[in-house]
Amino acid sequence: MIFTIQNLGFAIGGFLLEGWLAFAARCVCALVLLALGAVARALLRKKIFPKLLAHSWHFEATGILLRSFALPAERMVWLTGIYFALASLPWAIAPVPKFLLVVYQMAMTLCICKGLYHASDVATLLLKSCGEEIRSNKTLLSLLDTTYKVLVVILGVATIAQESGFPIGSIVAGAGLIGLTISLAAQETASNIFSGIVILIDKPFAVGDWILVGDVEGEVIDINFRSIKIRSLDKTVSIITNSKVCSSTIVNCAMRSTRPYKFTLGVTYNTSRAKLEQLMADLTAMLEASPYVEKGSALVRLTSFGDSSINLLVSAYLLTNQAGTFLQMQNDLNLNVMDVMQKNNVDFAFPSTTVYLSQ
């Protein structure tokens, strides 16, 4: 140490001052420390941090931390100068130096927490090795950002409480017991949250996709950490918890490029073989010529003989994955099927019974 501060005296080297001269020397020392703090703050703001931020760092976290700690570091240097200036003054009240130390430690903790709080982009680096879909998932990024900030706040509050003299150990133990009780009572909620995270990471579907989950089919209109919402064709909205979604088989119709157009066409038994063959040929030609149908997918075959009809299988794949568009295409094709039936003079079969009376 260049100088030492004694009770009511000020000594530098072998030279000792007492009384008002010692008090004046301490005030001058306090002003010098304040000036040093101000100079150091100015250097950080105008020289050091601009050069550090302009440098290209190998690790991305370095640049994020430098940007977030630029202002807190200046304040820490300035507060350090203020603390040492106040601590160098003679205080008649004995607890004041200890109080100043506690306030200084709390202020330093707040500055560090502020820097860490604004460095939340570091949390997103955890997803750097993941795919583009995951890295661009706004909901997952928001979750990581919120979780990181909450942890920083909790750590800061606990540290300040410890510095203030609170029995943080007992508080943590009590909070752990309360947290255990709450977690046991909220297992289903926790399961839904973790399942929601899995859905966001795995991304089996997105908002706007047409999916089938169990016996619920419709368009996904919302995804959150508890549930998903599906709007069916009749405009009803079904809410399914994430844990049920993860345990069910999910059919994502939006991931397919086509939709199947398939039904059984029943014609009357008085239809001759020639008419049947001509009908099947005309139906196949109609489907192949339609701009709705995938080329080479049209199929018309006689499959069975029913109680009151000859059954033809009509099958094709339509070039859409949207439910509304598919319904319109299906409507047009069904009308075309009726035209082909009328053209070939073939009647639709309907359930009927023939009764024979014995004489």
Protein backbone atom coordinates (compact mmCIF):
# COMPACT_ATOMS: atom_id res chain seq x y z
CA MET A 1 0.00 0.00 0.00
CA ILE A 2 1.25 3.51 -0.84
CA PHE A 3 -0.64 4.95 2.10
CA THR A 4 -2.53 3.67 5.17
CA ILE A 5 -5.54 5.19 6.85
CA GLN A 6 -5.59 5.13 10.63
CA ASN A 7 -8.33 6.16 13.07
CA LEU A 8 -7.93 9.94 12.96
CA GLY A 9 -4.64 10.20 11.17
CA PHE A 10 -3.30 9.86 7.68
CA ALA A 11 0.13 8.35 7.04
CA ILE A 12 2.03 8.20 3.79
CA GLY A 13 5.43 6.61 3.97
CA GLY A 14 6.97 7.80 7.27
CA PHE A 15 5.03 11.07 7.30
CA LEU A 16 2.02 11.18 9.68
CA LEU A 17 -0.74 13.78 9.68
CA GLU A 18 -3.27 14.22 12.43
CA GLY A 19 -6.31 16.35 13.15
CA TRP A 20 -7.71 18.65 10.46
CA LEU A 21 -4.72 18.06 8.22
CA ALA A 22 -5.39 14.34 8.30
CA PHE A 23 -9.10 14.96 7.53
CA ALA A 24 -8.18 17.22 4.61
CA ALA A 25 -5.73 14.62 3.32
CA ARG A 26 -8.45 11.97 3.43
CA CYS A 27 -10.86 14.22 1.52
CA VAL A 28 -8.19 14.82 -1.12
CA CYS A 29 -7.61 11.07 -1.31
CA ALA A 30 -11.37 10.51 -1.77
CA LEU A 31 -11.47 13.05 -4.60
CA VAL A 32 -8.48 11.38 -6.27
CA LEU A 33 -10.23 7.98 -6.08
CA LEU A 34 -13.40 9.48 -7.56
CA ALA A 35 -11.37 10.99 -10.38
CA LEU A 36 -9.64 7.67 -11.05
CA GLY A 37 -13.01 5.94 -11.22
CA ALA A 38 -14.32 8.55 -13.65
CA VAL A 39 -11.20 8.27 -15.85
CA ALA A 40 -11.41 4.47 -15.87
CA ARG A 41 -15.10 4.66 -16.80
CA ALA A 42 -14.36 7.03 -19.67
CA LEU A 43 -11.57 4.77 -20.94
CA LEU A 44 -13.88 1.77 -20.94
CA ARG A 45 -16.63 3.65 -22.78
CA LYS A 46 -14.50 5.44 -25.39
CA LYS A 47 -11.45 3.24 -25.90
CA ILE A 48 -11.48 -0.29 -24.51
CA PHE A 49 -14.98 -1.58 -25.27
CA PRO A 50 -15.20 -0.08 -28.80
CA LYS A 51 -11.95 -1.87 -29.69
CA LEU A 52 -13.12 -5.13 -28.11
CA LEU A 53 -16.48 -4.98 -29.89
CA ALA A 54 -14.84 -4.23 -33.24
CA HIS A 55 -12.63 -7.31 -32.91
CA SER A 56 -13.75 -10.55 -34.58
CA TRP A 57 -13.97 -13.21 -31.85
CA HIS A 58 -13.72 -16.95 -32.48
CA PHE A 59 -16.49 -17.75 -29.99
CA GLU A 60 -19.86 -16.07 -30.59
CA ALA A 61 -20.54 -15.96 -26.86
CA THR A 62 -17.59 -13.58 -26.38
CA GLY A 63 -19.15 -10.88 -28.55
CA ILE A 64 -22.56 -11.32 -26.88
CA LEU A 65 -21.06 -10.98 -23.39
CA LEU A 66 -18.99 -7.93 -24.36
CA ARG A 67 -22.07 -6.15 -25.73
CA SER A 68 -24.19 -6.97 -22.70
CA PHE A 69 -21.47 -6.02 -20.15
CA ALA A 70 -20.38 -2.77 -21.83
CA LEU A 71 -22.63 -0.54 -19.71
CA PRO A 72 -22.55 -2.64 -16.48
CA ALA A 73 -18.72 -2.68 -16.57
CA GLU A 74 -18.61 1.12 -16.75
CA ARG A 75 -20.96 1.36 -13.79
CA MET A 76 -18.95 -1.19 -11.82
CA VAL A 77 -15.76 0.83 -12.26
CA TRP A 78 -17.55 4.06 -11.32
CA LEU A 79 -19.19 2.47 -8.25
CA THR A 80 -15.83 1.02 -7.20
CA GLY A 81 -14.32 4.51 -7.25
CA ILE A 82 -17.24 5.86 -5.19
CA TYR A 83 -16.94 3.02 -2.67
CA PHE A 84 -13.20 3.43 -2.11
CA ALA A 85 -13.63 7.21 -1.89
CA LEU A 86 -16.30 6.86 0.81
CA ALA A 87 -14.35 4.15 2.61
CA SER A 88 -11.27 6.41 2.78
CA LEU A 89 -13.15 9.02 4.82
CA PRO A 90 -13.18 8.94 8.62
CA TRP A 91 -16.61 7.90 9.91
CA ALA A 92 -17.64 8.58 13.50
CA ILE A 93 -20.28 5.82 13.37
CA ALA A 94 -18.54 2.44 13.52
CA PRO A 95 -21.09 0.35 11.44
CA VAL A 96 -20.88 2.74 8.45
CA PRO A 97 -17.84 1.08 6.76
CA LYS A 98 -19.50 -2.33 7.02
CA PHE A 99 -22.75 -0.90 5.65
CA LEU A 100 -20.88 0.68 2.75
CA LEU A 101 -19.24 -2.68 1.96
CA VAL A 102 -22.64 -4.46 1.92
CA VAL A 103 -24.13 -1.78 -0.35
CA TYR A 104 -21.09 -2.00 -2.65
CA GLN A 105 -21.36 -5.80 -2.90
CA MET A 106 -25.09 -5.56 -3.66
CA ALA A 107 -24.47 -2.93 -6.35
CA MET A 108 -21.77 -5.12 -7.94
CA THR A 109 -24.16 -8.08 -7.91
CA LEU A 110 -26.87 -6.02 -9.60
CA CYS A 111 -24.48 -4.87 -12.32
CA ILE A 112 -23.30 -8.43 -12.99
CA CYS A 113 -26.88 -9.71 -13.10
CA LYS A 114 -27.84 -6.89 -15.47
CA GLY A 115 -25.02 -7.90 -17.81
CA LEU A 116 -25.97 -11.57 -17.66
CA TYR A 117 -29.67 -10.71 -18.11
CA HIS A 118 -29.02 -8.88 -21.37
CA ALA A 119 -26.76 -11.72 -22.56
CA SER A 120 -29.75 -14.03 -23.06
CA ASP A 121 -28.69 -14.60 -26.68
CA VAL A 122 -26.10 -16.98 -25.25
CA ALA A 123 -28.93 -19.42 -24.50
CA THR A 124 -29.85 -19.60 -28.19
CA LEU A 125 -26.34 -20.88 -28.95
CA LEU A 126 -27.51 -24.20 -27.48
CA LEU A 127 -29.59 -24.67 -30.66
CA LYS A 128 -26.72 -23.87 -33.01
CA SER A 129 -26.09 -27.54 -33.79
CA CYS A 130 -29.81 -28.17 -34.47
CA GLY A 131 -31.57 -27.89 -37.83
CA GLU A 132 -32.76 -24.64 -39.35
CA GLU A 133 -36.41 -25.38 -38.48
CA ILE A 134 -35.55 -25.68 -34.78
CA ARG A 135 -33.21 -22.68 -34.77
CA SER A 136 -35.91 -20.54 -36.36
CA ASN A 137 -38.68 -21.72 -34.02
CA LYS A 138 -39.79 -18.50 -32.33
CA THR A 139 -41.73 -20.24 -29.55
CA LEU A 140 -38.74 -22.37 -28.52
CA LEU A 141 -36.40 -19.36 -28.69
CA SER A 142 -38.80 -17.41 -26.49
CA LEU A 143 -38.88 -20.29 -23.98
CA LEU A 144 -35.08 -20.46 -23.78
CA ASP A 145 -34.81 -16.68 -23.45
CA THR A 146 -37.41 -16.56 -20.66
CA THR A 147 -35.90 -19.53 -18.80
CA TYR A 148 -32.42 -17.99 -18.94
CA LYS A 149 -33.63 -14.62 -17.66
CA VAL A 150 -35.63 -16.20 -14.84
CA LEU A 151 -32.57 -18.18 -13.70
CA VAL A 152 -30.43 -15.01 -13.73
CA VAL A 153 -33.03 -13.14 -11.66
CA ILE A 154 -33.30 -16.00 -9.15
CA LEU A 155 -29.51 -16.22 -8.85
CA GLY A 156 -29.24 -12.44 -8.39
CA VAL A 157 -31.96 -12.31 -5.72
CA ALA A 158 -30.38 -15.23 -3.84
CA THR A 159 -26.94 -13.61 -3.95
CA ILE A 160 -28.23 -10.26 -2.73
CA ALA A 161 -30.18 -11.97 0.04
CA GLN A 162 -27.03 -13.82 1.09
CA GLU A 163 -25.02 -10.59 1.16
CA SER A 164 -27.76 -8.87 3.17
CA GLY A 165 -27.55 -11.52 5.89
CA PHE A 166 -30.74 -13.44 5.20
CA PRO A 167 -30.64 -17.19 6.03
CA ILE A 168 -30.66 -18.17 2.38
CA GLY A 169 -29.87 -21.82 3.21
CA SER A 170 -33.05 -22.22 5.23
CA ILE A 171 -35.07 -20.38 2.61
CA VAL A 172 -33.73 -22.64 -0.17
CA ALA A 173 -34.50 -25.75 1.89
CA GLY A 174 -38.04 -24.55 2.54
CA ALA A 175 -38.50 -23.59 -1.12
CA GLY A 176 -37.24 -27.03 -2.16
CA LEU A 177 -39.82 -28.73 0.03
CA ILE A 178 -42.59 -26.48 -1.27
CA GLY A 179 -41.39 -27.04 -4.85
CA LEU A 180 -41.46 -30.81 -4.35
CA THR A 181 -45.03 -30.63 -3.06
CA ILE A 182 -46.11 -28.46 -5.98
CA SER A 183 -44.36 -30.67 -8.53
CA LEU A 184 -46.10 -33.78 -7.18
CA ALA A 185 -49.43 -31.99 -7.45
CA ALA A 186 -48.71 -30.72 -10.97
CA GLN A 187 -47.27 -33.79 -12.67
CA GLU A 188 -49.76 -33.58 -15.54
CA THR A 189 -48.93 -29.91 -16.16
CA ALA A 190 -45.21 -30.69 -16.16
CA SER A 191 -45.83 -33.58 -18.55
CA ASN A 192 -47.72 -31.27 -20.92
CA ILE A 193 -44.91 -28.68 -20.79
CA PHE A 194 -42.19 -31.21 -21.58
CA SER A 195 -44.37 -32.73 -24.31
CA GLY A 196 -44.83 -29.23 -25.72
CA ILE A 197 -41.07 -28.79 -25.86
CA VAL A 198 -40.76 -32.14 -27.67
CA ILE A 199 -43.41 -31.04 -30.21
CA LEU A 200 -41.59 -27.75 -30.81
CA ILE A 201 -38.24 -29.49 -31.30
CA ASP A 202 -39.44 -32.49 -33.32
CA LYS A 203 -42.00 -30.33 -35.18
CA PRO A 204 -44.33 -33.08 -36.50
CA PHE A 205 -46.75 -30.35 -37.59
CA ALA A 206 -47.07 -26.57 -37.69
CA VAL A 207 -49.86 -24.02 -37.44
CA GLY A 208 -51.99 -24.27 -40.58
CA ASP A 209 -51.33 -28.00 -41.17
CA TRP A 210 -54.26 -30.42 -41.56
CA ILE A 211 -53.67 -33.31 -39.14
CA LEU A 212 -55.39 -36.31 -37.63
CA VAL A 213 -54.74 -37.02 -33.93
CA GLY A 214 -56.70 -40.01 -32.65
CA ASP A 215 -60.28 -39.38 -33.76
CA VAL A 216 -59.84 -35.60 -34.14
CA GLU A 217 -59.15 -34.23 -37.61
CA GLY A 218 -58.76 -30.63 -38.68
CA GLU A 219 -56.48 -27.61 -39.09
CA VAL A 220 -53.95 -26.70 -36.40
CA ILE A 221 -54.70 -23.13 -35.27
CA ASP A 222 -52.51 -22.86 -32.16
CA ILE A 223 -49.58 -24.61 -30.46
CA ASN A 224 -48.56 -23.73 -26.90
CA PHE A 225 -46.79 -25.39 -23.99
CA ARG A 226 -49.94 -27.00 -22.63
CA SER A 227 -52.04 -28.00 -25.63
CA ILE A 228 -52.80 -27.65 -29.32
CA LYS A 229 -56.02 -26.39 -30.89
CA ILE A 230 -57.56 -28.03 -33.96
CA ARG A 231 -60.44 -26.56 -36.00
CA SER A 232 -62.53 -29.22 -37.75
CA LEU A 233 -64.53 -28.86 -40.96
CA ASP A 234 -67.65 -27.96 -38.97
CA LYS A 235 -65.66 -25.08 -37.37
CA THR A 236 -65.61 -26.69 -33.93
CA VAL A 237 -62.33 -26.26 -32.03
CA SER A 238 -60.83 -29.24 -30.21
CA ILE A 239 -58.17 -28.70 -27.52
CA ILE A 240 -55.82 -31.66 -27.03
CA THR A 241 -53.17 -31.71 -24.30
CA ASN A 242 -49.59 -32.11 -25.46
CA SER A 243 -49.04 -35.32 -23.49
CA LYS A 244 -51.97 -36.93 -25.34
CA VAL A 245 -50.63 -35.68 -28.67
CA CYS A 246 -47.20 -37.21 -28.01
CA SER A 247 -48.74 -40.56 -27.05
CA SER A 248 -51.01 -40.68 -30.14
CA THR A 249 -50.35 -41.47 -33.77
CA ILE A 250 -50.20 -38.21 -35.73
CA VAL A 251 -51.19 -38.14 -39.39
CA ASN A 252 -50.00 -34.91 -41.01
CA CYS A 253 -51.91 -34.50 -44.25
CA ALA A 254 -49.93 -31.37 -45.11
CA MET A 255 -46.79 -33.45 -45.60
CA ARG A 256 -48.26 -35.42 -48.49
CA SER A 257 -48.37 -34.07 -52.02
CA THR A 258 -51.62 -35.81 -53.02
CA ARG A 259 -54.91 -36.95 -51.51
CA PRO A 260 -56.66 -40.25 -52.32
CA TYR A 261 -59.93 -40.12 -54.27
CA LYS A 262 -61.53 -43.51 -53.76
CA PHE A 263 -65.04 -44.94 -53.62
CA THR A 264 -67.15 -47.93 -54.69
CA LEU A 265 -69.52 -47.40 -57.61
CA GLY A 266 -72.52 -49.72 -57.71
CA VAL A 267 -74.29 -50.41 -61.05
CA THR A 268 -77.37 -52.50 -61.73
CA TYR A 269 -77.21 -56.21 -62.54
CA ASN A 270 -78.93 -55.74 -65.91
CA THR A 271 -75.76 -54.04 -67.21
CA SER A 272 -74.06 -56.18 -69.87
CA ARG A 273 -70.37 -57.03 -69.90
CA ALA A 274 -69.77 -54.85 -72.94
CA LYS A 275 -71.34 -51.87 -71.23
CA LEU A 276 -69.32 -52.52 -68.06
CA GLU A 277 -66.05 -52.68 -69.99
CA GLN A 278 -66.91 -49.50 -71.90
CA LEU A 279 -67.92 -47.75 -68.66
CA MET A 280 -64.65 -48.67 -66.95
CA ALA A 281 -62.64 -47.53 -69.97
CA ASP A 282 -64.51 -44.19 -70.13
CA LEU A 283 -64.14 -43.58 -66.37
CA THR A 284 -60.41 -44.28 -66.59
CA ALA A 285 -60.02 -41.94 -69.55
CA MET A 286 -61.99 -39.22 -67.76
CA LEU A 287 -59.78 -39.45 -64.68
CA GLU A 288 -56.54 -39.53 -66.67
CA ALA A 289 -57.61 -36.47 -68.65
CA SER A 290 -58.52 -34.47 -65.53
CA PRO A 291 -55.96 -31.82 -64.43
CA TYR A 292 -56.81 -32.74 -60.84
CA VAL A 293 -55.52 -36.32 -61.07
CA GLU A 294 -51.91 -37.47 -60.78
CA LYS A 295 -50.90 -39.09 -64.06
CA GLY A 296 -50.91 -42.88 -63.97
CA SER A 297 -52.83 -43.12 -60.71
CA ALA A 298 -56.35 -43.65 -62.11
CA LEU A 299 -57.78 -47.10 -61.48
CA VAL A 300 -61.25 -48.53 -62.25
CA ARG A 301 -61.83 -52.25 -61.60
CA LEU A 302 -64.74 -54.62 -60.98
CA THR A 303 -64.14 -55.80 -57.43
CA SER A 304 -67.24 -57.65 -56.18
CA PHE A 305 -70.86 -58.61 -56.68
CA GLY A 306 -73.05 -57.14 -53.97
CA ASP A 307 -76.57 -58.03 -52.87
CA SER A 308 -78.13 -55.56 -55.29
CA SER A 309 -75.24 -54.13 -57.33
CA ILE A 310 -72.12 -54.87 -59.33
CA ASN A 311 -69.38 -53.00 -57.47
CA LEU A 312 -66.64 -51.07 -59.27
CA LEU A 313 -63.64 -49.64 -57.46
CA VAL A 314 -62.84 -46.08 -58.61
CA SER A 315 -59.49 -44.78 -57.33
CA ALA A 316 -57.05 -41.97 -58.12
CA TYR A 317 -54.74 -39.48 -56.39
CA LEU A 318 -55.65 -35.77 -56.54
CA LEU A 319 -52.91 -33.14 -56.78
CA THR A 320 -53.56 -31.25 -53.54
CA ASN A 321 -53.05 -31.58 -49.81
CA GLN A 322 -55.57 -28.88 -48.82
CA ALA A 323 -58.89 -30.16 -47.52
CA GLY A 324 -61.03 -27.42 -49.06
CA THR A 325 -59.41 -27.77 -52.48
CA PHE A 326 -59.76 -31.55 -52.30
CA LEU A 327 -63.48 -31.29 -51.62
CA GLN A 328 -63.96 -29.05 -54.64
CA MET A 329 -61.96 -31.42 -56.87
CA GLN A 330 -63.94 -34.37 -55.54
CA ASN A 331 -67.20 -32.54 -56.27
CA ASP A 332 -66.20 -31.89 -59.89
CA LEU A 333 -65.03 -35.46 -60.47
CA ASN A 334 -68.22 -36.91 -58.97
CA LEU A 335 -70.29 -34.84 -61.39
CA ASN A 336 -68.09 -36.09 -64.24
CA VAL A 337 -68.73 -39.66 -63.12
CA MET A 338 -72.47 -39.02 -63.37
CA ASP A 339 -72.02 -37.66 -66.91
CA VAL A 340 -70.06 -40.78 -67.94
CA MET A 341 -72.75 -43.04 -66.44
CA GLN A 342 -75.47 -41.19 -68.34
CA LYS A 343 -73.45 -41.28 -71.56
CA ASN A 344 -73.08 -45.08 -71.35
CA ASN A 345 -76.75 -45.63 -70.37
CA VAL A 346 -75.75 -47.36 -67.15
CA ASP A 347 -77.91 -46.95 -64.04
CA PHE A 348 -76.77 -46.57 -60.45
CA ALA A 349 -77.80 -49.47 -58.29
CA PHE A 350 -79.72 -48.98 -55.07
CA PRO A 351 -80.72 -51.48 -52.39
CA SER A 352 -83.65 -53.53 -53.66
CA THR A 353 -85.36 -56.86 -53.02
CA THR A 354 -87.08 -59.17 -55.51
CA VAL A 355 -89.91 -61.30 -54.11
CA TYR A 356 -90.98 -64.48 -55.95
CA LEU A 357 -94.47 -65.80 -55.28
CA SER A 358 -95.05 -69.53 -55.73
CA GLN A 359 -98.31 -70.57 -57.43
